[in-house]
């Protein structure tokens, strides 16, 4: 079984959590509606204040690139940027 998993760790500035979660609430349904190569895209809050993880599953590398290039990701991702306290940490996994 092929597939690519991604775990993105996002650190949000104090006081920006609600704004961040609101933008993500727009982004997740846009990914589901417009990206057939994505089978899972969900935000999780960790036990550490202001730290979130996005769990993502894609069919292949082309689906990952389609996600990054999508209009909804560029537009809504730009809205997430001011909420972040640093660059996202991306962990890429291969399905077994």
C-alpha atoms as a PDB file:
ATOM      1  CA  UNK A   1       0.000   0.000   0.000  1.00  0.00           C
ATOM      2  CA  UNK A   2       1.479   3.309  -0.996  1.00  0.00           C
ATOM      3  CA  UNK A   3       0.736   6.585   0.626  1.00  0.00           C
ATOM      4  CA  UNK A   4       2.328   9.490   2.398  1.00  0.00           C
ATOM      5  CA  UNK A   5       1.582  10.624   5.918  1.00  0.00           C
ATOM      6  CA  UNK A   6       2.494  14.039   7.218  1.00  0.00           C
ATOM      7  CA  UNK A   7       2.532  15.303  10.769  1.00  0.00           C
ATOM      8  CA  UNK A   8       2.846  19.085  10.867  1.00  0.00           C
ATOM      9  CA  UNK A   9       3.586  20.648  14.249  1.00  0.00           C
ATOM     10  CA  UNK A  10       2.375  24.239  14.485  1.00  0.00           C
ATOM     11  CA  UNK A  11       3.172  26.589  17.352  1.00  0.00           C
ATOM     12  CA  UNK A  12       0.651  29.379  17.766  1.00  0.00           C
ATOM     13  CA  UNK A  13       1.288  32.728  19.424  1.00  0.00           C
ATOM     14  CA  UNK A  14      -0.414  33.197  22.804  1.00  0.00           C
ATOM     15  CA  UNK A  15      -3.884  34.677  22.371  1.00  0.00           C
ATOM     16  CA  UNK A  16      -4.118  33.669  18.686  1.00  0.00           C
ATOM     17  CA  UNK A  17      -5.458  30.146  19.262  1.00  0.00           C
ATOM     18  CA  UNK A  18      -9.121  30.937  18.503  1.00  0.00           C
ATOM     19  CA  UNK A  19      -8.201  32.809  15.309  1.00  0.00           C
ATOM     20  CA  UNK A  20      -5.926  29.941  14.226  1.00  0.00           C
ATOM     21  CA  UNK A  21      -8.609  27.326  14.892  1.00  0.00           C
ATOM     22  CA  UNK A  22     -11.183  29.424  13.010  1.00  0.00           C
ATOM     23  CA  UNK A  23      -9.044  29.622   9.872  1.00  0.00           C
ATOM     24  CA  UNK A  24      -8.292  25.912  10.077  1.00  0.00           C
ATOM     25  CA  UNK A  25     -12.032  25.235  10.329  1.00  0.00           C
ATOM     26  CA  UNK A  26     -12.303  26.787   6.839  1.00  0.00           C
ATOM     27  CA  UNK A  27      -9.232  25.031   5.472  1.00  0.00           C
ATOM     28  CA  UNK A  28     -10.084  21.428   6.413  1.00  0.00           C
ATOM     29  CA  UNK A  29     -13.404  21.269   4.487  1.00  0.00           C
ATOM     30  CA  UNK A  30     -11.752  22.970   1.482  1.00  0.00           C
ATOM     31  CA  UNK A  31      -9.088  20.248   1.446  1.00  0.00           C
ATOM     32  CA  UNK A  32     -11.750  17.516   1.679  1.00  0.00           C
ATOM     33  CA  UNK A  33     -13.846  19.046  -1.118  1.00  0.00           C
ATOM     34  CA  UNK A  34     -11.041  19.867  -3.567  1.00  0.00           C
ATOM     35  CA  UNK A  35      -8.269  17.328  -3.062  1.00  0.00           C
ATOM     36  CA  UNK A  36      -9.173  13.781  -4.148  1.00  0.00           C
ATOM     37  CA  UNK A  37      -5.606  12.634  -3.332  1.00  0.00           C
ATOM     38  CA  UNK A  38      -6.045  13.549   0.336  1.00  0.00           C
ATOM     39  CA  UNK A  39      -7.839  11.031   2.548  1.00  0.00           C
ATOM     40  CA  UNK A  40      -7.295  12.626   5.971  1.00  0.00           C
ATOM     41  CA  UNK A  41      -6.605  16.182   7.115  1.00  0.00           C
ATOM     42  CA  UNK A  42      -7.353  17.039  10.711  1.00  0.00           C
ATOM     43  CA  UNK A  43      -6.137  19.443  13.381  1.00  0.00           C
ATOM     44  CA  UNK A  44      -5.343  18.261  16.893  1.00  0.00           C
ATOM     45  CA  UNK A  45      -4.516  20.313  19.989  1.00  0.00           C
ATOM     46  CA  UNK A  46      -1.626  18.894  22.040  1.00  0.00           C
ATOM     47  CA  UNK A  47      -1.314  19.024  25.814  1.00  0.00           C
ATOM     48  CA  UNK A  48       1.260  21.818  25.425  1.00  0.00           C
ATOM     49  CA  UNK A  49      -0.371  25.261  25.298  1.00  0.00           C
ATOM     50  CA  UNK A  50      -0.432  26.743  21.802  1.00  0.00           C
ATOM     51  CA  UNK A  51       0.969  23.632  20.101  1.00  0.00           C
ATOM     52  CA  UNK A  52      -1.105  21.870  17.443  1.00  0.00           C
ATOM     53  CA  UNK A  53      -0.508  18.940  15.120  1.00  0.00           C
ATOM     54  CA  UNK A  54      -2.079  18.429  11.715  1.00  0.00           C
ATOM     55  CA  UNK A  55      -2.347  14.791  10.661  1.00  0.00           C
ATOM     56  CA  UNK A  56      -2.495  14.384   6.877  1.00  0.00           C
ATOM     57  CA  UNK A  57      -2.723  11.376   4.537  1.00  0.00           C
ATOM     58  CA  UNK A  58      -2.090  11.578   0.800  1.00  0.00           C
ATOM     59  CA  UNK A  59      -2.167   8.986  -1.995  1.00  0.00           C
ATOM     60  CA  UNK A  60       1.262   9.980  -3.330  1.00  0.00           C
ATOM     61  CA  UNK A  61       3.777  12.785  -3.770  1.00  0.00           C
ATOM     62  CA  UNK A  62       1.692  14.369  -6.518  1.00  0.00           C
ATOM     63  CA  UNK A  63      -1.220  14.708  -4.074  1.00  0.00           C
ATOM     64  CA  UNK A  64       1.078  16.414  -1.539  1.00  0.00           C
ATOM     65  CA  UNK A  65       2.231  18.866  -4.213  1.00  0.00           C
ATOM     66  CA  UNK A  66      -1.375  19.467  -5.318  1.00  0.00           C
ATOM     67  CA  UNK A  67      -2.212  20.368  -1.712  1.00  0.00           C
ATOM     68  CA  UNK A  68       0.652  22.854  -1.418  1.00  0.00           C
ATOM     69  CA  UNK A  69      -0.206  24.432  -4.763  1.00  0.00           C
ATOM     70  CA  UNK A  70      -3.965  24.649  -4.164  1.00  0.00           C
ATOM     71  CA  UNK A  71      -5.662  28.028  -4.065  1.00  0.00           C
ATOM     72  CA  UNK A  72      -7.384  27.284  -0.752  1.00  0.00           C
ATOM     73  CA  UNK A  73      -4.103  26.285   0.908  1.00  0.00           C
ATOM     74  CA  UNK A  74      -2.263  29.379  -0.340  1.00  0.00           C
ATOM     75  CA  UNK A  75      -5.111  31.733   0.603  1.00  0.00           C
ATOM     76  CA  UNK A  76      -6.012  30.261   3.993  1.00  0.00           C
ATOM     77  CA  UNK A  77      -2.413  29.308   4.770  1.00  0.00           C
ATOM     78  CA  UNK A  78      -1.525  32.981   4.427  1.00  0.00           C
ATOM     79  CA  UNK A  79      -4.149  33.735   7.111  1.00  0.00           C
ATOM     80  CA  UNK A  80      -2.603  31.127   9.416  1.00  0.00           C
ATOM     81  CA  UNK A  81       0.866  32.652   9.104  1.00  0.00           C
ATOM     82  CA  UNK A  82       0.327  35.666  11.401  1.00  0.00           C
ATOM     83  CA  UNK A  83      -0.958  33.308  14.118  1.00  0.00           C
ATOM     84  CA  UNK A  84       2.180  31.180  14.137  1.00  0.00           C
ATOM     85  CA  UNK A  85       5.115  31.565  16.506  1.00  0.00           C
ATOM     86  CA  UNK A  86       7.580  30.050  14.018  1.00  0.00           C
ATOM     87  CA  UNK A  87       7.875  27.864  10.955  1.00  0.00           C
ATOM     88  CA  UNK A  88       5.877  24.614  10.957  1.00  0.00           C
ATOM     89  CA  UNK A  89       7.825  21.440  11.692  1.00  0.00           C
ATOM     90  CA  UNK A  90       7.012  18.834   9.040  1.00  0.00           C
ATOM     91  CA  UNK A  91       7.495  15.105   9.545  1.00  0.00           C
ATOM     92  CA  UNK A  92       6.984  12.984   6.417  1.00  0.00           C
ATOM     93  CA  UNK A  93       6.028   9.307   6.753  1.00  0.00           C
ATOM     94  CA  UNK A  94       5.687   6.438   4.278  1.00  0.00           C
ATOM     95  CA  UNK A  95       2.715   4.097   4.591  1.00  0.00           C
ATOM     96  CA  UNK A  96       3.438   0.416   5.153  1.00  0.00           C
END
